[in-house]
């Protein structure tokens, strides 16, 4: 069976507005052009996989049930916009957490690439033909470690020149610009 290509997306600051420890579905707000970028990648045969660190679970700010509700709402919003994601992986752990079962050093928290490796195995993904897109050093390092190309999303208030970009292959302002780099403007 032929392996698939995927776009791995961080959630906060890449798809949705970054709200520290977003804990309620009502707080979700899509970033400008996120839907168009996801749709363009989907139209060109990429699987869309969200990989997100959610240490708020370990820190006791919200529980996994709330996180599932948030992700369900995100999926519903994206499906309505015809920009459905194929899967969502999350890491609820953090060594400085207060919730015992999540207060661990784990292999899934980015910058470690376990979420990408797990998705590749489950969805038959060729990591060398895939892309990791995120707004942090951890996102870029996880993508690099997994063997993906990496794209750093920075907003207009951040420098786009020769600043510190954590070794990202590309730097863009949003998901639409990222998609246009790889698939062009064709619809």
C-alpha atoms as a PDB file:
ATOM      1  CA  UNK A   1       0.000   0.000   0.000  1.00  0.00           C
ATOM      2  CA  UNK A   2       1.360   3.407  -0.984  1.00  0.00           C
ATOM      3  CA  UNK A   3       2.293   5.657   1.916  1.00  0.00           C
ATOM      4  CA  UNK A   4       0.451   8.954   2.319  1.00  0.00           C
ATOM      5  CA  UNK A   5       1.750  12.470   2.818  1.00  0.00           C
ATOM      6  CA  UNK A   6       0.535  14.530   5.748  1.00  0.00           C
ATOM      7  CA  UNK A   7       0.550  17.997   7.181  1.00  0.00           C
ATOM      8  CA  UNK A   8       1.027  17.946  10.940  1.00  0.00           C
ATOM      9  CA  UNK A   9      -0.430  21.063  12.554  1.00  0.00           C
ATOM     10  CA  UNK A  10       0.061  22.501  15.978  1.00  0.00           C
ATOM     11  CA  UNK A  11      -3.292  23.705  17.344  1.00  0.00           C
ATOM     12  CA  UNK A  12      -2.797  26.915  19.345  1.00  0.00           C
ATOM     13  CA  UNK A  13      -1.236  29.750  17.370  1.00  0.00           C
ATOM     14  CA  UNK A  14      -1.431  27.767  14.134  1.00  0.00           C
ATOM     15  CA  UNK A  15      -5.104  26.829  13.631  1.00  0.00           C
ATOM     16  CA  UNK A  16      -6.773  28.695  16.498  1.00  0.00           C
ATOM     17  CA  UNK A  17      -5.983  31.899  18.350  1.00  0.00           C
ATOM     18  CA  UNK A  18      -3.537  31.124  21.153  1.00  0.00           C
ATOM     19  CA  UNK A  19      -5.258  31.512  24.513  1.00  0.00           C
ATOM     20  CA  UNK A  20      -3.060  30.251  27.361  1.00  0.00           C
ATOM     21  CA  UNK A  21      -4.567  27.005  28.661  1.00  0.00           C
ATOM     22  CA  UNK A  22      -7.663  27.216  26.477  1.00  0.00           C
ATOM     23  CA  UNK A  23     -10.128  25.233  28.574  1.00  0.00           C
ATOM     24  CA  UNK A  24     -13.577  25.635  27.029  1.00  0.00           C
ATOM     25  CA  UNK A  25     -15.035  25.038  23.553  1.00  0.00           C
ATOM     26  CA  UNK A  26     -16.461  28.568  23.725  1.00  0.00           C
ATOM     27  CA  UNK A  27     -12.939  29.994  23.671  1.00  0.00           C
ATOM     28  CA  UNK A  28     -12.135  28.544  20.229  1.00  0.00           C
ATOM     29  CA  UNK A  29     -11.537  31.128  17.530  1.00  0.00           C
ATOM     30  CA  UNK A  30      -9.977  30.181  14.202  1.00  0.00           C
ATOM     31  CA  UNK A  31      -7.014  32.178  12.979  1.00  0.00           C
ATOM     32  CA  UNK A  32      -7.411  34.093   9.710  1.00  0.00           C
ATOM     33  CA  UNK A  33      -6.817  31.904   6.644  1.00  0.00           C
ATOM     34  CA  UNK A  34      -6.500  28.683   8.683  1.00  0.00           C
ATOM     35  CA  UNK A  35      -9.518  27.132   6.974  1.00  0.00           C
ATOM     36  CA  UNK A  36      -8.310  28.096   3.486  1.00  0.00           C
ATOM     37  CA  UNK A  37      -4.863  26.657   4.190  1.00  0.00           C
ATOM     38  CA  UNK A  38      -6.223  23.365   5.510  1.00  0.00           C
ATOM     39  CA  UNK A  39      -8.637  23.110   2.590  1.00  0.00           C
ATOM     40  CA  UNK A  40      -5.861  23.745   0.044  1.00  0.00           C
ATOM     41  CA  UNK A  41      -3.673  21.021   1.567  1.00  0.00           C
ATOM     42  CA  UNK A  42      -6.653  18.603   1.661  1.00  0.00           C
ATOM     43  CA  UNK A  43      -7.506  19.382  -1.980  1.00  0.00           C
ATOM     44  CA  UNK A  44      -3.974  18.294  -2.895  1.00  0.00           C
ATOM     45  CA  UNK A  45      -4.037  14.933  -1.139  1.00  0.00           C
ATOM     46  CA  UNK A  46      -2.495  15.694   2.247  1.00  0.00           C
ATOM     47  CA  UNK A  47      -3.818  14.123   5.429  1.00  0.00           C
ATOM     48  CA  UNK A  48      -4.298  16.773   8.120  1.00  0.00           C
ATOM     49  CA  UNK A  49      -3.135  15.666  11.570  1.00  0.00           C
ATOM     50  CA  UNK A  50      -3.223  17.957  14.614  1.00  0.00           C
ATOM     51  CA  UNK A  51      -0.433  17.353  17.157  1.00  0.00           C
ATOM     52  CA  UNK A  52      -0.751  19.503  20.262  1.00  0.00           C
ATOM     53  CA  UNK A  53       0.831  19.774  23.702  1.00  0.00           C
ATOM     54  CA  UNK A  54      -1.904  20.268  26.300  1.00  0.00           C
ATOM     55  CA  UNK A  55      -0.115  20.497  29.640  1.00  0.00           C
ATOM     56  CA  UNK A  56      -3.174  22.237  31.113  1.00  0.00           C
ATOM     57  CA  UNK A  57      -4.427  18.719  31.879  1.00  0.00           C
ATOM     58  CA  UNK A  58      -1.334  17.909  33.957  1.00  0.00           C
ATOM     59  CA  UNK A  59      -1.441  21.349  35.557  1.00  0.00           C
ATOM     60  CA  UNK A  60      -5.070  20.838  36.642  1.00  0.00           C
ATOM     61  CA  UNK A  61      -6.527  23.705  34.571  1.00  0.00           C
ATOM     62  CA  UNK A  62      -8.909  21.345  32.752  1.00  0.00           C
ATOM     63  CA  UNK A  63      -9.429  17.605  32.378  1.00  0.00           C
ATOM     64  CA  UNK A  64      -9.198  15.289  29.393  1.00  0.00           C
ATOM     65  CA  UNK A  65     -12.982  15.259  29.006  1.00  0.00           C
ATOM     66  CA  UNK A  66     -12.934  19.045  28.504  1.00  0.00           C
ATOM     67  CA  UNK A  67     -10.092  18.681  26.025  1.00  0.00           C
ATOM     68  CA  UNK A  68     -12.100  16.120  24.040  1.00  0.00           C
ATOM     69  CA  UNK A  69     -15.057  18.552  24.001  1.00  0.00           C
ATOM     70  CA  UNK A  70     -12.773  21.306  22.682  1.00  0.00           C
ATOM     71  CA  UNK A  71     -11.438  19.042  19.951  1.00  0.00           C
ATOM     72  CA  UNK A  72     -14.946  17.859  19.044  1.00  0.00           C
ATOM     73  CA  UNK A  73     -16.051  21.480  18.619  1.00  0.00           C
ATOM     74  CA  UNK A  74     -12.947  22.257  16.559  1.00  0.00           C
ATOM     75  CA  UNK A  75     -13.721  19.288  14.304  1.00  0.00           C
ATOM     76  CA  UNK A  76     -17.348  20.424  13.885  1.00  0.00           C
ATOM     77  CA  UNK A  77     -16.258  23.954  12.968  1.00  0.00           C
ATOM     78  CA  UNK A  78     -13.735  22.653  10.447  1.00  0.00           C
ATOM     79  CA  UNK A  79     -16.162  20.121   8.943  1.00  0.00           C
ATOM     80  CA  UNK A  80     -18.702  22.917   8.450  1.00  0.00           C
ATOM     81  CA  UNK A  81     -15.970  24.881   6.642  1.00  0.00           C
ATOM     82  CA  UNK A  82     -15.045  21.817   4.533  1.00  0.00           C
ATOM     83  CA  UNK A  83     -11.592  21.732   6.140  1.00  0.00           C
ATOM     84  CA  UNK A  84     -11.842  18.557   8.216  1.00  0.00           C
ATOM     85  CA  UNK A  85      -8.779  17.225   9.997  1.00  0.00           C
ATOM     86  CA  UNK A  86      -8.086  13.499   9.788  1.00  0.00           C
ATOM     87  CA  UNK A  87      -6.967  13.005  13.385  1.00  0.00           C
ATOM     88  CA  UNK A  88      -5.954  14.835  16.551  1.00  0.00           C
ATOM     89  CA  UNK A  89      -3.129  13.714  18.841  1.00  0.00           C
ATOM     90  CA  UNK A  90      -2.421  15.449  22.121  1.00  0.00           C
ATOM     91  CA  UNK A  91       0.019  15.212  24.992  1.00  0.00           C
ATOM     92  CA  UNK A  92      -1.611  15.889  28.396  1.00  0.00           C
ATOM     93  CA  UNK A  93       1.645  15.452  30.340  1.00  0.00           C
ATOM     94  CA  UNK A  94       4.081  17.808  32.018  1.00  0.00           C
ATOM     95  CA  UNK A  95       6.794  17.064  34.566  1.00  0.00           C
ATOM     96  CA  UNK A  96       5.729  20.124  36.601  1.00  0.00           C
ATOM     97  CA  UNK A  97       2.080  19.080  36.656  1.00  0.00           C
ATOM     98  CA  UNK A  98      -0.057  18.682  39.769  1.00  0.00           C
ATOM     99  CA  UNK A  99      -2.295  15.832  38.571  1.00  0.00           C
ATOM    100  CA  UNK A 100      -0.446  12.642  39.519  1.00  0.00           C
ATOM    101  CA  UNK A 101      -1.092  10.448  36.493  1.00  0.00           C
ATOM    102  CA  UNK A 102      -0.024  13.238  34.093  1.00  0.00           C
ATOM    103  CA  UNK A 103       2.977  14.511  36.087  1.00  0.00           C
ATOM    104  CA  UNK A 104       5.585  12.636  34.098  1.00  0.00           C
ATOM    105  CA  UNK A 105       8.429  13.031  31.649  1.00  0.00           C
ATOM    106  CA  UNK A 106       6.915  11.470  28.535  1.00  0.00           C
ATOM    107  CA  UNK A 107       7.911  10.667  24.976  1.00  0.00           C
ATOM    108  CA  UNK A 108       4.930  12.406  23.390  1.00  0.00           C
ATOM    109  CA  UNK A 109       5.431  16.031  24.467  1.00  0.00           C
ATOM    110  CA  UNK A 110       6.856  18.112  21.636  1.00  0.00           C
ATOM    111  CA  UNK A 111       9.717  18.672  20.841  1.00  0.00           C
ATOM    112  CA  UNK A 112       9.794  14.871  21.073  1.00  0.00           C
ATOM    113  CA  UNK A 113       8.291  13.392  17.891  1.00  0.00           C
ATOM    114  CA  UNK A 114       6.242  10.475  19.298  1.00  0.00           C
ATOM    115  CA  UNK A 115       2.872  11.945  18.273  1.00  0.00           C
ATOM    116  CA  UNK A 116       4.129  12.223  14.686  1.00  0.00           C
ATOM    117  CA  UNK A 117       5.550   8.692  14.757  1.00  0.00           C
ATOM    118  CA  UNK A 118       2.276   7.328  16.192  1.00  0.00           C
ATOM    119  CA  UNK A 119       0.254   9.095  13.499  1.00  0.00           C
ATOM    120  CA  UNK A 120       2.608   7.849  10.781  1.00  0.00           C
ATOM    121  CA  UNK A 121       2.131   4.280  11.937  1.00  0.00           C
ATOM    122  CA  UNK A 122      -1.643   4.536  12.344  1.00  0.00           C
ATOM    123  CA  UNK A 123      -2.272   6.373   9.051  1.00  0.00           C
ATOM    124  CA  UNK A 124       0.493   4.886   6.847  1.00  0.00           C
ATOM    125  CA  UNK A 125       2.289   8.232   6.468  1.00  0.00           C
ATOM    126  CA  UNK A 126       5.610   8.810   4.737  1.00  0.00           C
ATOM    127  CA  UNK A 127       7.246  11.305   7.104  1.00  0.00           C
ATOM    128  CA  UNK A 128       9.857  12.311   4.505  1.00  0.00           C
ATOM    129  CA  UNK A 129       7.023  13.575   2.278  1.00  0.00           C
ATOM    130  CA  UNK A 130       5.242  15.326   5.139  1.00  0.00           C
ATOM    131  CA  UNK A 131       5.305  18.766   6.729  1.00  0.00           C
ATOM    132  CA  UNK A 132       5.146  19.965  10.353  1.00  0.00           C
ATOM    133  CA  UNK A 133       3.642  23.436  10.789  1.00  0.00           C
ATOM    134  CA  UNK A 134       3.655  25.259  14.094  1.00  0.00           C
ATOM    135  CA  UNK A 135       4.420  28.476  15.915  1.00  0.00           C
ATOM    136  CA  UNK A 136       7.085  27.331  18.389  1.00  0.00           C
ATOM    137  CA  UNK A 137      10.523  25.843  18.639  1.00  0.00           C
ATOM    138  CA  UNK A 138       9.027  22.596  19.967  1.00  0.00           C
ATOM    139  CA  UNK A 139       6.908  22.230  16.836  1.00  0.00           C
ATOM    140  CA  UNK A 140       9.849  22.761  14.517  1.00  0.00           C
ATOM    141  CA  UNK A 141      12.140  20.426  16.448  1.00  0.00           C
ATOM    142  CA  UNK A 142       9.507  17.663  16.569  1.00  0.00           C
ATOM    143  CA  UNK A 143       9.065  17.908  12.813  1.00  0.00           C
ATOM    144  CA  UNK A 144      12.802  17.836  12.181  1.00  0.00           C
ATOM    145  CA  UNK A 145      13.295  14.876  14.513  1.00  0.00           C
ATOM    146  CA  UNK A 146      10.534  12.979  12.698  1.00  0.00           C
ATOM    147  CA  UNK A 147      12.139  13.666   9.311  1.00  0.00           C
ATOM    148  CA  UNK A 148       9.540  16.164   8.060  1.00  0.00           C
ATOM    149  CA  UNK A 149      10.024  19.537   6.448  1.00  0.00           C
ATOM    150  CA  UNK A 150       9.080  22.275   8.889  1.00  0.00           C
ATOM    151  CA  UNK A 151       7.258  25.574   8.628  1.00  0.00           C
ATOM    152  CA  UNK A 152       7.214  28.203  11.359  1.00  0.00           C
ATOM    153  CA  UNK A 153       4.091  30.372  11.528  1.00  0.00           C
ATOM    154  CA  UNK A 154       4.716  33.836  12.893  1.00  0.00           C
ATOM    155  CA  UNK A 155       2.266  36.688  13.051  1.00  0.00           C
ATOM    156  CA  UNK A 156       2.849  40.107  11.531  1.00  0.00           C
ATOM    157  CA  UNK A 157       4.248  41.466  14.784  1.00  0.00           C
ATOM    158  CA  UNK A 158       7.230  39.129  14.700  1.00  0.00           C
ATOM    159  CA  UNK A 159      10.338  39.461  12.587  1.00  0.00           C
ATOM    160  CA  UNK A 160      10.363  37.404   9.377  1.00  0.00           C
ATOM    161  CA  UNK A 161      13.907  38.176   8.247  1.00  0.00           C
ATOM    162  CA  UNK A 162      17.007  36.412   9.534  1.00  0.00           C
ATOM    163  CA  UNK A 163      15.709  36.166  13.095  1.00  0.00           C
ATOM    164  CA  UNK A 164      15.706  33.071  15.253  1.00  0.00           C
ATOM    165  CA  UNK A 165      13.531  30.507  13.470  1.00  0.00           C
ATOM    166  CA  UNK A 166      14.700  27.296  15.185  1.00  0.00           C
ATOM    167  CA  UNK A 167      15.960  25.753  11.944  1.00  0.00           C
ATOM    168  CA  UNK A 168      12.581  25.891  10.191  1.00  0.00           C
ATOM    169  CA  UNK A 169      12.713  25.257   6.460  1.00  0.00           C
ATOM    170  CA  UNK A 170      10.210  28.048   5.820  1.00  0.00           C
ATOM    171  CA  UNK A 171       8.660  30.959   7.718  1.00  0.00           C
ATOM    172  CA  UNK A 172       5.120  32.099   6.906  1.00  0.00           C
ATOM    173  CA  UNK A 173       2.423  34.378   8.297  1.00  0.00           C
ATOM    174  CA  UNK A 174      -0.419  31.812   8.246  1.00  0.00           C
ATOM    175  CA  UNK A 175      -1.580  28.389   7.057  1.00  0.00           C
ATOM    176  CA  UNK A 176      -2.724  29.673   3.684  1.00  0.00           C
ATOM    177  CA  UNK A 177       0.757  30.993   2.893  1.00  0.00           C
ATOM    178  CA  UNK A 178       2.183  27.629   3.994  1.00  0.00           C
ATOM    179  CA  UNK A 179      -0.176  25.725   1.708  1.00  0.00           C
ATOM    180  CA  UNK A 180       0.602  28.010  -1.200  1.00  0.00           C
ATOM    181  CA  UNK A 181       4.314  27.251  -0.785  1.00  0.00           C
ATOM    182  CA  UNK A 182       3.694  23.536  -1.338  1.00  0.00           C
ATOM    183  CA  UNK A 183       0.701  23.315  -3.639  1.00  0.00           C
ATOM    184  CA  UNK A 184       0.411  26.745  -5.239  1.00  0.00           C
ATOM    185  CA  UNK A 185      -2.763  28.737  -5.680  1.00  0.00           C
ATOM    186  CA  UNK A 186      -4.635  26.087  -7.670  1.00  0.00           C
ATOM    187  CA  UNK A 187      -8.061  25.202  -6.321  1.00  0.00           C
END
